[in-house]
Amino acid sequence: MKTLLALLALGLLAPAPVQDAPSPTAEAPSREPDVIYVPTPQPVVDAMLKLAEVKKGDVLYDLGSGDGRIPITAAKTYGIRAVGIDIDPERIAEARANVKEAGVTDKVTIRQADLFQSDISEASVVTLYLLQSLNEKLRPKLLGELKPGTRVVSHAFSMGEWEPEVTQEVDGNTIYLWTIPRRK
């Protein structure tokens, strides 16, 4: 400590620059995102929700929700409650601003969280746009936490050995549907 003070006094060591304190509302990611952000085109969003047969009373969870377009569309089009989960603070800020601009703050919640650690058990519809490897890693969580009958729709990526009930092409994009089966 005396050596550091002596070096500072002699001008041989500059003090560390003062950094602005982080904003109290800024949230740091618990870890880096698993995928880069690529938005789902709106026609694909609409088709995913239609394929899931979203209806009054459903609760939608969008895992890796990006800018929030799927929860926002679900709330505006179907009047349901929706939750978007993403780990990236930049996407969270953008999604929350989009929710406010869309006027659905009473129906849509955006959470900054790790989707693998989040409680998703109240969902009756889950939407995904992740990689196949992440879908496969997520599959035990979906099958273990979601109620039988919950619909899962993925944009572009399947779930490996878990065969989809429906595969559909929309404007050059593939979407997949699974339903959580009854537990044995």
N, C-alpha and C. Protein backbone atom coordinates (compact mmCIF):
# COMPACT_ATOMS: atom_id res chain seq x y z
N MET A 1 0.83 -1.19 0.00
CA MET A 1 0.00 0.00 0.00
C MET A 1 0.88 1.25 0.00
N LYS A 2 1.96 1.27 0.84
CA LYS A 2 2.86 2.42 0.90
C LYS A 2 3.52 2.65 -0.46
N THR A 3 3.84 1.55 -1.15
CA THR A 3 4.47 1.67 -2.46
C THR A 3 3.53 2.32 -3.46
N LEU A 4 2.27 1.93 -3.44
CA LEU A 4 1.29 2.54 -4.33
C LEU A 4 1.13 4.02 -4.05
N LEU A 5 1.05 4.38 -2.77
CA LEU A 5 0.90 5.80 -2.41
C LEU A 5 2.13 6.59 -2.83
N ALA A 6 3.33 6.01 -2.68
CA ALA A 6 4.56 6.69 -3.08
C ALA A 6 4.59 6.91 -4.58
N LEU A 7 4.20 5.89 -5.35
CA LEU A 7 4.16 6.02 -6.80
C LEU A 7 3.16 7.08 -7.24
N LEU A 8 2.01 7.13 -6.58
CA LEU A 8 1.01 8.17 -6.87
C LEU A 8 1.59 9.54 -6.57
N ALA A 9 2.25 9.69 -5.42
CA ALA A 9 2.81 10.99 -5.01
C ALA A 9 3.89 11.45 -5.98
N LEU A 10 4.68 10.56 -6.50
CA LEU A 10 5.75 10.91 -7.44
C LEU A 10 5.23 11.13 -8.86
N GLY A 11 3.95 10.86 -9.08
CA GLY A 11 3.38 11.02 -10.41
C GLY A 11 3.73 9.89 -11.35
N LEU A 12 4.23 8.80 -10.81
CA LEU A 12 4.60 7.65 -11.64
C LEU A 12 3.43 6.69 -11.87
N LEU A 13 2.39 6.89 -11.15
CA LEU A 13 1.20 6.06 -11.30
C LEU A 13 -0.01 6.98 -11.27
N ALA A 14 -0.83 6.88 -12.27
CA ALA A 14 -2.02 7.73 -12.33
C ALA A 14 -3.15 7.05 -11.57
N PRO A 15 -3.97 7.85 -10.89
CA PRO A 15 -5.13 7.24 -10.21
C PRO A 15 -6.10 6.69 -11.25
N ALA A 16 -6.81 5.68 -10.86
CA ALA A 16 -7.81 5.09 -11.76
C ALA A 16 -8.90 6.11 -12.04
N PRO A 17 -9.35 6.18 -13.29
CA PRO A 17 -10.42 7.12 -13.60
C PRO A 17 -11.69 6.75 -12.85
N VAL A 18 -12.43 7.77 -12.47
CA VAL A 18 -13.69 7.55 -11.77
C VAL A 18 -14.72 7.08 -12.79
N GLN A 19 -15.37 5.99 -12.48
CA GLN A 19 -16.38 5.44 -13.38
C GLN A 19 -17.75 5.83 -12.87
N ASP A 20 -18.66 6.10 -13.81
CA ASP A 20 -20.04 6.34 -13.40
C ASP A 20 -20.59 5.07 -12.79
N ALA A 21 -21.34 5.23 -11.74
CA ALA A 21 -21.98 4.07 -11.11
C ALA A 21 -23.03 3.54 -12.06
N PRO A 22 -23.24 2.23 -12.09
CA PRO A 22 -24.28 1.70 -12.96
C PRO A 22 -25.65 2.23 -12.54
N SER A 23 -26.48 2.41 -13.54
CA SER A 23 -27.84 2.87 -13.27
C SER A 23 -28.53 1.87 -12.36
N PRO A 24 -29.29 2.34 -11.34
CA PRO A 24 -29.95 1.39 -10.45
C PRO A 24 -30.98 0.53 -11.18
N THR A 25 -31.45 0.99 -12.36
CA THR A 25 -32.44 0.21 -13.09
C THR A 25 -31.80 -0.71 -14.12
N ALA A 26 -30.49 -0.53 -14.38
CA ALA A 26 -29.82 -1.39 -15.35
C ALA A 26 -29.63 -2.77 -14.76
N GLU A 27 -29.90 -3.78 -15.57
CA GLU A 27 -29.75 -5.15 -15.12
C GLU A 27 -28.61 -5.79 -15.91
N ALA A 28 -27.68 -6.38 -15.23
CA ALA A 28 -26.59 -7.06 -15.91
C ALA A 28 -27.03 -8.47 -16.25
N PRO A 29 -26.63 -8.97 -17.42
CA PRO A 29 -27.01 -10.35 -17.73
C PRO A 29 -26.31 -11.30 -16.78
N SER A 30 -27.02 -12.35 -16.39
CA SER A 30 -26.42 -13.33 -15.50
C SER A 30 -25.36 -14.14 -16.24
N ARG A 31 -25.48 -14.18 -17.56
CA ARG A 31 -24.49 -14.81 -18.43
C ARG A 31 -24.76 -14.31 -19.84
N GLU A 32 -23.87 -14.63 -20.73
CA GLU A 32 -24.05 -14.21 -22.12
C GLU A 32 -25.22 -14.96 -22.76
N PRO A 33 -25.95 -14.31 -23.68
CA PRO A 33 -27.02 -15.03 -24.39
C PRO A 33 -26.47 -16.23 -25.15
N ASP A 34 -27.29 -17.25 -25.30
CA ASP A 34 -26.90 -18.47 -26.02
C ASP A 34 -26.97 -18.30 -27.53
N VAL A 35 -27.76 -17.36 -27.99
CA VAL A 35 -27.95 -17.14 -29.43
C VAL A 35 -27.89 -15.65 -29.72
N ILE A 36 -27.58 -15.32 -30.97
CA ILE A 36 -27.66 -13.92 -31.36
C ILE A 36 -29.13 -13.59 -31.62
N TYR A 37 -29.46 -12.33 -31.48
CA TYR A 37 -30.84 -11.90 -31.68
C TYR A 37 -31.14 -11.79 -33.16
N VAL A 38 -32.14 -12.54 -33.60
CA VAL A 38 -32.68 -12.44 -34.95
C VAL A 38 -34.19 -12.41 -34.78
N PRO A 39 -34.85 -11.30 -35.16
CA PRO A 39 -36.29 -11.23 -34.95
C PRO A 39 -37.07 -12.19 -35.84
N THR A 40 -38.14 -12.73 -35.29
CA THR A 40 -39.07 -13.56 -36.06
C THR A 40 -39.90 -12.64 -36.94
N PRO A 41 -39.96 -12.89 -38.25
CA PRO A 41 -40.79 -12.04 -39.11
C PRO A 41 -42.26 -12.08 -38.67
N GLN A 42 -42.95 -10.96 -38.79
CA GLN A 42 -44.33 -10.86 -38.31
C GLN A 42 -45.26 -11.91 -38.91
N PRO A 43 -45.17 -12.24 -40.22
CA PRO A 43 -46.05 -13.31 -40.73
C PRO A 43 -45.80 -14.65 -40.03
N VAL A 44 -44.56 -14.90 -39.61
CA VAL A 44 -44.23 -16.14 -38.89
C VAL A 44 -44.79 -16.08 -37.48
N VAL A 45 -44.69 -14.92 -36.84
CA VAL A 45 -45.30 -14.73 -35.51
C VAL A 45 -46.79 -15.07 -35.58
N ASP A 46 -47.47 -14.47 -36.55
CA ASP A 46 -48.92 -14.70 -36.70
C ASP A 46 -49.23 -16.17 -36.93
N ALA A 47 -48.43 -16.82 -37.77
CA ALA A 47 -48.64 -18.25 -38.05
C ALA A 47 -48.36 -19.12 -36.83
N MET A 48 -47.34 -18.76 -36.04
CA MET A 48 -47.03 -19.52 -34.83
C MET A 48 -48.20 -19.48 -33.85
N LEU A 49 -48.77 -18.30 -33.68
CA LEU A 49 -49.89 -18.16 -32.74
C LEU A 49 -51.13 -18.88 -33.25
N LYS A 50 -51.34 -18.83 -34.56
CA LYS A 50 -52.46 -19.54 -35.16
C LYS A 50 -52.27 -21.05 -35.03
N LEU A 51 -51.04 -21.54 -35.30
CA LEU A 51 -50.76 -22.97 -35.19
C LEU A 51 -50.96 -23.46 -33.75
N ALA A 52 -50.63 -22.63 -32.78
CA ALA A 52 -50.81 -22.98 -31.36
C ALA A 52 -52.27 -22.90 -30.93
N GLU A 53 -53.13 -22.42 -31.82
CA GLU A 53 -54.55 -22.25 -31.52
C GLU A 53 -54.75 -21.46 -30.23
N VAL A 54 -54.07 -20.31 -30.16
CA VAL A 54 -54.18 -19.43 -29.00
C VAL A 54 -55.63 -19.00 -28.84
N LYS A 55 -56.08 -19.04 -27.59
CA LYS A 55 -57.48 -18.69 -27.31
C LYS A 55 -57.57 -17.97 -25.97
N LYS A 56 -58.72 -17.38 -25.74
CA LYS A 56 -58.97 -16.67 -24.49
C LYS A 56 -58.65 -17.60 -23.31
N GLY A 57 -57.98 -17.03 -22.32
CA GLY A 57 -57.61 -17.80 -21.13
C GLY A 57 -56.21 -18.39 -21.19
N ASP A 58 -55.61 -18.43 -22.38
CA ASP A 58 -54.23 -18.93 -22.49
C ASP A 58 -53.26 -17.96 -21.83
N VAL A 59 -52.13 -18.51 -21.41
CA VAL A 59 -51.00 -17.71 -20.93
C VAL A 59 -49.81 -18.13 -21.78
N LEU A 60 -49.25 -17.18 -22.51
CA LEU A 60 -48.14 -17.47 -23.41
C LEU A 60 -46.82 -17.08 -22.78
N TYR A 61 -45.83 -17.95 -22.90
CA TYR A 61 -44.46 -17.65 -22.50
C TYR A 61 -43.60 -17.72 -23.76
N ASP A 62 -42.88 -16.66 -24.03
CA ASP A 62 -41.96 -16.62 -25.16
C ASP A 62 -40.55 -16.68 -24.59
N LEU A 63 -39.86 -17.78 -24.83
CA LEU A 63 -38.53 -18.01 -24.24
C LEU A 63 -37.47 -17.54 -25.23
N GLY A 64 -36.72 -16.52 -24.82
CA GLY A 64 -35.79 -15.85 -25.71
C GLY A 64 -36.56 -14.82 -26.52
N SER A 65 -37.28 -13.95 -25.81
CA SER A 65 -38.31 -13.11 -26.42
C SER A 65 -37.81 -11.91 -27.22
N GLY A 66 -36.52 -11.62 -27.19
CA GLY A 66 -36.01 -10.53 -28.03
C GLY A 66 -36.72 -9.22 -27.81
N ASP A 67 -37.28 -8.66 -28.89
CA ASP A 67 -37.94 -7.35 -28.81
C ASP A 67 -39.38 -7.42 -28.34
N GLY A 68 -39.85 -8.62 -27.99
CA GLY A 68 -41.19 -8.76 -27.42
C GLY A 68 -42.32 -8.90 -28.42
N ARG A 69 -42.00 -9.05 -29.69
CA ARG A 69 -43.07 -9.04 -30.70
C ARG A 69 -44.07 -10.18 -30.56
N ILE A 70 -43.64 -11.36 -30.12
CA ILE A 70 -44.59 -12.47 -29.98
C ILE A 70 -45.54 -12.22 -28.81
N PRO A 71 -45.06 -11.89 -27.59
CA PRO A 71 -46.01 -11.59 -26.51
C PRO A 71 -46.92 -10.40 -26.84
N ILE A 72 -46.38 -9.39 -27.48
CA ILE A 72 -47.19 -8.21 -27.83
C ILE A 72 -48.29 -8.61 -28.81
N THR A 73 -47.94 -9.37 -29.84
CA THR A 73 -48.94 -9.80 -30.83
C THR A 73 -50.00 -10.68 -30.17
N ALA A 74 -49.58 -11.58 -29.29
CA ALA A 74 -50.54 -12.46 -28.60
C ALA A 74 -51.52 -11.64 -27.77
N ALA A 75 -51.01 -10.63 -27.07
CA ALA A 75 -51.87 -9.79 -26.23
C ALA A 75 -52.82 -8.95 -27.08
N LYS A 76 -52.30 -8.34 -28.14
CA LYS A 76 -53.13 -7.47 -28.98
C LYS A 76 -54.14 -8.25 -29.80
N THR A 77 -53.74 -9.37 -30.37
CA THR A 77 -54.61 -10.12 -31.27
C THR A 77 -55.59 -11.01 -30.52
N TYR A 78 -55.13 -11.64 -29.44
CA TYR A 78 -55.96 -12.63 -28.74
C TYR A 78 -56.41 -12.18 -27.37
N GLY A 79 -55.91 -11.04 -26.90
CA GLY A 79 -56.30 -10.52 -25.59
C GLY A 79 -55.81 -11.34 -24.41
N ILE A 80 -54.77 -12.14 -24.62
CA ILE A 80 -54.29 -13.00 -23.54
C ILE A 80 -53.13 -12.35 -22.79
N ARG A 81 -52.81 -12.94 -21.65
CA ARG A 81 -51.65 -12.51 -20.88
C ARG A 81 -50.43 -13.23 -21.44
N ALA A 82 -49.31 -12.51 -21.52
CA ALA A 82 -48.10 -13.09 -22.10
C ALA A 82 -46.87 -12.63 -21.32
N VAL A 83 -45.89 -13.51 -21.28
CA VAL A 83 -44.63 -13.25 -20.58
C VAL A 83 -43.49 -13.49 -21.56
N GLY A 84 -42.61 -12.51 -21.67
CA GLY A 84 -41.40 -12.68 -22.47
C GLY A 84 -40.22 -12.82 -21.54
N ILE A 85 -39.36 -13.79 -21.81
CA ILE A 85 -38.17 -14.00 -20.99
C ILE A 85 -36.94 -13.92 -21.90
N ASP A 86 -36.01 -13.07 -21.51
CA ASP A 86 -34.76 -12.94 -22.26
C ASP A 86 -33.66 -12.61 -21.26
N ILE A 87 -32.43 -12.93 -21.61
CA ILE A 87 -31.30 -12.71 -20.71
C ILE A 87 -30.56 -11.41 -21.03
N ASP A 88 -30.78 -10.88 -22.23
CA ASP A 88 -30.02 -9.73 -22.73
C ASP A 88 -30.67 -8.41 -22.28
N PRO A 89 -29.97 -7.60 -21.48
CA PRO A 89 -30.55 -6.35 -20.98
C PRO A 89 -30.95 -5.39 -22.09
N GLU A 90 -30.23 -5.41 -23.20
CA GLU A 90 -30.57 -4.54 -24.33
C GLU A 90 -31.92 -4.94 -24.92
N ARG A 91 -32.12 -6.24 -25.10
CA ARG A 91 -33.40 -6.73 -25.63
C ARG A 91 -34.53 -6.45 -24.63
N ILE A 92 -34.25 -6.60 -23.35
CA ILE A 92 -35.26 -6.34 -22.32
C ILE A 92 -35.73 -4.89 -22.39
N ALA A 93 -34.79 -3.97 -22.48
CA ALA A 93 -35.14 -2.54 -22.56
C ALA A 93 -35.98 -2.27 -23.81
N GLU A 94 -35.56 -2.84 -24.94
CA GLU A 94 -36.29 -2.65 -26.19
C GLU A 94 -37.70 -3.26 -26.09
N ALA A 95 -37.79 -4.47 -25.54
CA ALA A 95 -39.09 -5.13 -25.42
C ALA A 95 -40.03 -4.36 -24.51
N ARG A 96 -39.52 -3.90 -23.38
CA ARG A 96 -40.37 -3.14 -22.46
C ARG A 96 -40.86 -1.85 -23.10
N ALA A 97 -40.01 -1.19 -23.87
CA ALA A 97 -40.44 0.02 -24.59
C ALA A 97 -41.49 -0.34 -25.63
N ASN A 98 -41.33 -1.45 -26.32
CA ASN A 98 -42.31 -1.88 -27.33
C ASN A 98 -43.65 -2.24 -26.69
N VAL A 99 -43.60 -2.87 -25.52
CA VAL A 99 -44.84 -3.22 -24.80
C VAL A 99 -45.59 -1.94 -24.44
N LYS A 100 -44.86 -0.97 -23.94
CA LYS A 100 -45.48 0.31 -23.56
C LYS A 100 -46.07 1.00 -24.78
N GLU A 101 -45.30 1.06 -25.86
CA GLU A 101 -45.76 1.71 -27.09
C GLU A 101 -47.00 1.01 -27.66
N ALA A 102 -47.06 -0.31 -27.52
CA ALA A 102 -48.20 -1.08 -28.03
C ALA A 102 -49.42 -0.97 -27.13
N GLY A 103 -49.26 -0.41 -25.93
CA GLY A 103 -50.39 -0.24 -25.03
C GLY A 103 -50.87 -1.52 -24.38
N VAL A 104 -49.95 -2.47 -24.15
CA VAL A 104 -50.35 -3.75 -23.56
C VAL A 104 -49.63 -4.04 -22.24
N THR A 105 -49.28 -2.99 -21.52
CA THR A 105 -48.57 -3.18 -20.25
C THR A 105 -49.42 -3.94 -19.23
N ASP A 106 -50.72 -3.93 -19.40
CA ASP A 106 -51.60 -4.66 -18.49
C ASP A 106 -51.64 -6.16 -18.81
N LYS A 107 -51.14 -6.55 -19.99
CA LYS A 107 -51.21 -7.95 -20.40
C LYS A 107 -49.84 -8.61 -20.59
N VAL A 108 -48.80 -7.81 -20.84
CA VAL A 108 -47.49 -8.37 -21.16
C VAL A 108 -46.47 -8.00 -20.10
N THR A 109 -45.76 -9.00 -19.64
CA THR A 109 -44.64 -8.83 -18.70
C THR A 109 -43.38 -9.29 -19.40
N ILE A 110 -42.34 -8.49 -19.29
CA ILE A 110 -41.04 -8.85 -19.85
C ILE A 110 -40.09 -9.05 -18.68
N ARG A 111 -39.48 -10.24 -18.62
CA ARG A 111 -38.58 -10.58 -17.51
C ARG A 111 -37.17 -10.80 -18.02
N GLN A 112 -36.20 -10.18 -17.35
CA GLN A 112 -34.82 -10.51 -17.63
C GLN A 112 -34.45 -11.68 -16.76
N ALA A 113 -34.22 -12.81 -17.40
CA ALA A 113 -33.93 -14.04 -16.65
C ALA A 113 -33.33 -15.07 -17.59
N ASP A 114 -32.76 -16.09 -17.00
CA ASP A 114 -32.25 -17.23 -17.73
C ASP A 114 -33.43 -18.17 -17.96
N LEU A 115 -33.77 -18.43 -19.20
CA LEU A 115 -34.95 -19.25 -19.49
C LEU A 115 -34.82 -20.66 -18.94
N PHE A 116 -33.60 -21.14 -18.75
CA PHE A 116 -33.41 -22.48 -18.19
C PHE A 116 -33.67 -22.50 -16.69
N GLN A 117 -33.63 -21.34 -16.04
CA GLN A 117 -33.84 -21.24 -14.59
C GLN A 117 -35.22 -20.71 -14.23
N SER A 118 -35.99 -20.27 -15.21
CA SER A 118 -37.28 -19.62 -14.97
C SER A 118 -38.41 -20.62 -14.77
N ASP A 119 -39.34 -20.26 -13.91
CA ASP A 119 -40.54 -21.06 -13.71
C ASP A 119 -41.50 -20.75 -14.86
N ILE A 120 -41.80 -21.73 -15.68
CA ILE A 120 -42.67 -21.55 -16.83
C ILE A 120 -43.97 -22.36 -16.68
N SER A 121 -44.21 -22.87 -15.48
CA SER A 121 -45.29 -23.84 -15.27
C SER A 121 -46.69 -23.30 -15.53
N GLU A 122 -46.87 -21.98 -15.50
CA GLU A 122 -48.23 -21.45 -15.74
C GLU A 122 -48.56 -21.31 -17.22
N ALA A 123 -47.60 -21.52 -18.09
CA ALA A 123 -47.82 -21.35 -19.53
C ALA A 123 -48.78 -22.41 -20.07
N SER A 124 -49.65 -21.99 -20.98
CA SER A 124 -50.45 -22.93 -21.75
C SER A 124 -49.99 -22.94 -23.21
N VAL A 125 -49.17 -21.94 -23.57
CA VAL A 125 -48.53 -21.86 -24.88
C VAL A 125 -47.11 -21.38 -24.65
N VAL A 126 -46.13 -22.05 -25.29
CA VAL A 126 -44.74 -21.62 -25.23
C VAL A 126 -44.26 -21.42 -26.66
N THR A 127 -43.58 -20.30 -26.91
CA THR A 127 -43.00 -20.06 -28.22
C THR A 127 -41.49 -19.95 -28.09
N LEU A 128 -40.79 -20.42 -29.14
CA LEU A 128 -39.34 -20.49 -29.14
C LEU A 128 -38.78 -20.06 -30.49
N TYR A 129 -37.64 -19.39 -30.47
CA TYR A 129 -36.82 -19.22 -31.66
C TYR A 129 -35.38 -19.30 -31.17
N LEU A 130 -34.97 -20.52 -30.88
CA LEU A 130 -33.64 -20.81 -30.36
C LEU A 130 -32.93 -21.69 -31.37
N LEU A 131 -31.86 -22.31 -31.01
CA LEU A 131 -31.19 -23.30 -31.85
C LEU A 131 -31.69 -24.69 -31.50
N GLN A 132 -31.53 -25.65 -32.41
CA GLN A 132 -31.98 -27.01 -32.12
C GLN A 132 -31.31 -27.55 -30.86
N SER A 133 -30.02 -27.28 -30.68
CA SER A 133 -29.31 -27.78 -29.49
C SER A 133 -29.92 -27.21 -28.21
N LEU A 134 -30.35 -25.96 -28.26
CA LEU A 134 -30.99 -25.35 -27.08
C LEU A 134 -32.40 -25.91 -26.88
N ASN A 135 -33.13 -26.12 -27.97
CA ASN A 135 -34.45 -26.74 -27.86
C ASN A 135 -34.33 -28.12 -27.21
N GLU A 136 -33.32 -28.89 -27.64
CA GLU A 136 -33.12 -30.22 -27.08
C GLU A 136 -32.74 -30.14 -25.60
N LYS A 137 -31.92 -29.16 -25.24
CA LYS A 137 -31.54 -28.97 -23.83
C LYS A 137 -32.76 -28.53 -23.01
N LEU A 138 -33.66 -27.78 -23.62
CA LEU A 138 -34.85 -27.26 -22.95
C LEU A 138 -35.97 -28.30 -22.84
N ARG A 139 -35.94 -29.30 -23.72
CA ARG A 139 -37.02 -30.30 -23.79
C ARG A 139 -37.36 -30.94 -22.44
N PRO A 140 -36.40 -31.39 -21.62
CA PRO A 140 -36.78 -31.98 -20.32
C PRO A 140 -37.51 -30.98 -19.42
N LYS A 141 -37.12 -29.73 -19.48
CA LYS A 141 -37.80 -28.69 -18.68
C LYS A 141 -39.24 -28.53 -19.15
N LEU A 142 -39.43 -28.46 -20.46
CA LEU A 142 -40.79 -28.33 -21.02
C LEU A 142 -41.66 -29.51 -20.60
N LEU A 143 -41.13 -30.71 -20.79
CA LEU A 143 -41.90 -31.91 -20.46
C LEU A 143 -42.13 -32.07 -18.96
N GLY A 144 -41.21 -31.57 -18.16
CA GLY A 144 -41.32 -31.72 -16.71
C GLY A 144 -42.16 -30.65 -16.03
N GLU A 145 -42.14 -29.42 -16.55
CA GLU A 145 -42.82 -28.30 -15.88
C GLU A 145 -44.18 -27.94 -16.45
N LEU A 146 -44.35 -28.18 -17.73
CA LEU A 146 -45.60 -27.73 -18.36
C LEU A 146 -46.72 -28.74 -18.16
N LYS A 147 -47.93 -28.22 -18.06
CA LYS A 147 -49.11 -29.07 -17.90
C LYS A 147 -49.38 -29.82 -19.20
N PRO A 148 -49.90 -31.05 -19.10
CA PRO A 148 -50.33 -31.75 -20.32
C PRO A 148 -51.32 -30.88 -21.10
N GLY A 149 -51.16 -30.89 -22.40
CA GLY A 149 -52.02 -30.07 -23.27
C GLY A 149 -51.40 -28.73 -23.64
N THR A 150 -50.32 -28.33 -22.96
CA THR A 150 -49.65 -27.08 -23.30
C THR A 150 -49.06 -27.22 -24.69
N ARG A 151 -49.25 -26.19 -25.52
CA ARG A 151 -48.72 -26.20 -26.88
C ARG A 151 -47.38 -25.49 -26.93
N VAL A 152 -46.44 -26.08 -27.65
CA VAL A 152 -45.09 -25.52 -27.82
C VAL A 152 -44.87 -25.33 -29.32
N VAL A 153 -44.52 -24.11 -29.70
CA VAL A 153 -44.28 -23.80 -31.11
C VAL A 153 -42.89 -23.23 -31.25
N SER A 154 -42.13 -23.77 -32.19
CA SER A 154 -40.77 -23.32 -32.43
C SER A 154 -40.63 -22.81 -33.86
N HIS A 155 -39.94 -21.70 -34.00
CA HIS A 155 -39.60 -21.16 -35.31
C HIS A 155 -38.24 -21.71 -35.71
N ALA A 156 -38.18 -22.39 -36.82
CA ALA A 156 -36.96 -22.81 -37.51
C ALA A 156 -36.27 -24.06 -36.95
N PHE A 157 -36.44 -24.38 -35.67
CA PHE A 157 -35.66 -25.47 -35.11
C PHE A 157 -36.55 -26.50 -34.42
N SER A 158 -36.25 -27.78 -34.67
CA SER A 158 -37.03 -28.87 -34.09
C SER A 158 -36.48 -29.23 -32.71
N MET A 159 -36.92 -30.37 -32.19
CA MET A 159 -36.52 -30.84 -30.86
C MET A 159 -35.83 -32.20 -30.93
N GLY A 160 -35.13 -32.45 -32.01
CA GLY A 160 -34.42 -33.72 -32.12
C GLY A 160 -35.37 -34.90 -32.23
N GLU A 161 -35.24 -35.83 -31.31
CA GLU A 161 -36.03 -37.07 -31.36
C GLU A 161 -37.50 -36.86 -31.05
N TRP A 162 -37.87 -35.75 -30.44
CA TRP A 162 -39.28 -35.48 -30.15
C TRP A 162 -39.93 -34.97 -31.43
N GLU A 163 -40.67 -35.85 -32.08
CA GLU A 163 -41.27 -35.53 -33.37
C GLU A 163 -42.40 -34.50 -33.21
N PRO A 164 -42.43 -33.48 -34.05
CA PRO A 164 -43.52 -32.51 -33.98
C PRO A 164 -44.81 -33.12 -34.50
N GLU A 165 -45.93 -32.60 -33.99
CA GLU A 165 -47.23 -33.03 -34.49
C GLU A 165 -47.52 -32.38 -35.83
N VAL A 166 -47.06 -31.15 -35.99
CA VAL A 166 -47.27 -30.40 -37.22
C VAL A 166 -45.98 -29.67 -37.57
N THR A 167 -45.65 -29.70 -38.85
CA THR A 167 -44.55 -28.90 -39.40
C THR A 167 -45.17 -28.08 -40.52
N GLN A 168 -44.89 -26.78 -40.53
CA GLN A 168 -45.54 -25.90 -41.48
C GLN A 168 -44.53 -24.91 -42.07
N GLU A 169 -44.66 -24.60 -43.34
CA GLU A 169 -43.82 -23.60 -43.99
C GLU A 169 -44.59 -22.29 -44.08
N VAL A 170 -43.90 -21.20 -43.71
CA VAL A 170 -44.50 -19.86 -43.77
C VAL A 170 -43.46 -18.91 -44.35
N ASP A 171 -43.71 -18.43 -45.54
CA ASP A 171 -42.78 -17.49 -46.19
C ASP A 171 -41.34 -17.97 -46.14
N GLY A 172 -41.11 -19.25 -46.42
CA GLY A 172 -39.76 -19.79 -46.43
C GLY A 172 -39.20 -20.14 -45.06
N ASN A 173 -40.00 -20.02 -44.02
CA ASN A 173 -39.60 -20.37 -42.66
C ASN A 173 -40.40 -21.59 -42.21
N THR A 174 -39.77 -22.45 -41.43
CA THR A 174 -40.45 -23.63 -40.90
C THR A 174 -40.85 -23.38 -39.46
N ILE A 175 -42.06 -23.78 -39.12
CA ILE A 175 -42.50 -23.74 -37.72
C ILE A 175 -42.97 -25.14 -37.33
N TYR A 176 -42.81 -25.45 -36.05
CA TYR A 176 -43.12 -26.78 -35.52
C TYR A 176 -44.05 -26.65 -34.33
N LEU A 177 -44.93 -27.63 -34.17
CA LEU A 177 -45.85 -27.68 -33.03
C LEU A 177 -45.75 -29.01 -32.32
N TRP A 178 -45.69 -28.94 -30.99
CA TRP A 178 -45.77 -30.11 -30.11
C TRP A 178 -46.82 -29.81 -29.04
N THR A 179 -47.41 -30.84 -28.49
CA THR A 179 -48.30 -30.71 -27.34
C THR A 179 -47.73 -31.56 -26.22
N ILE A 180 -47.67 -30.98 -25.03
CA ILE A 180 -47.15 -31.71 -23.87
C ILE A 180 -48.10 -32.87 -23.59
N PRO A 181 -47.57 -34.11 -23.61
CA PRO A 181 -48.43 -35.28 -23.41
C PRO A 181 -48.80 -35.47 -21.93
N ARG A 182 -49.80 -36.35 -21.74
CA ARG A 182 -50.16 -36.75 -20.37
C ARG A 182 -49.00 -37.47 -19.74
N ARG A 183 -48.87 -37.27 -18.44
CA ARG A 183 -47.80 -37.97 -17.71
C ARG A 183 -48.25 -39.38 -17.39
N LYS A 184 -47.32 -40.30 -17.43
CA LYS A 184 -47.66 -41.71 -17.19
C LYS A 184 -47.53 -42.04 -15.74
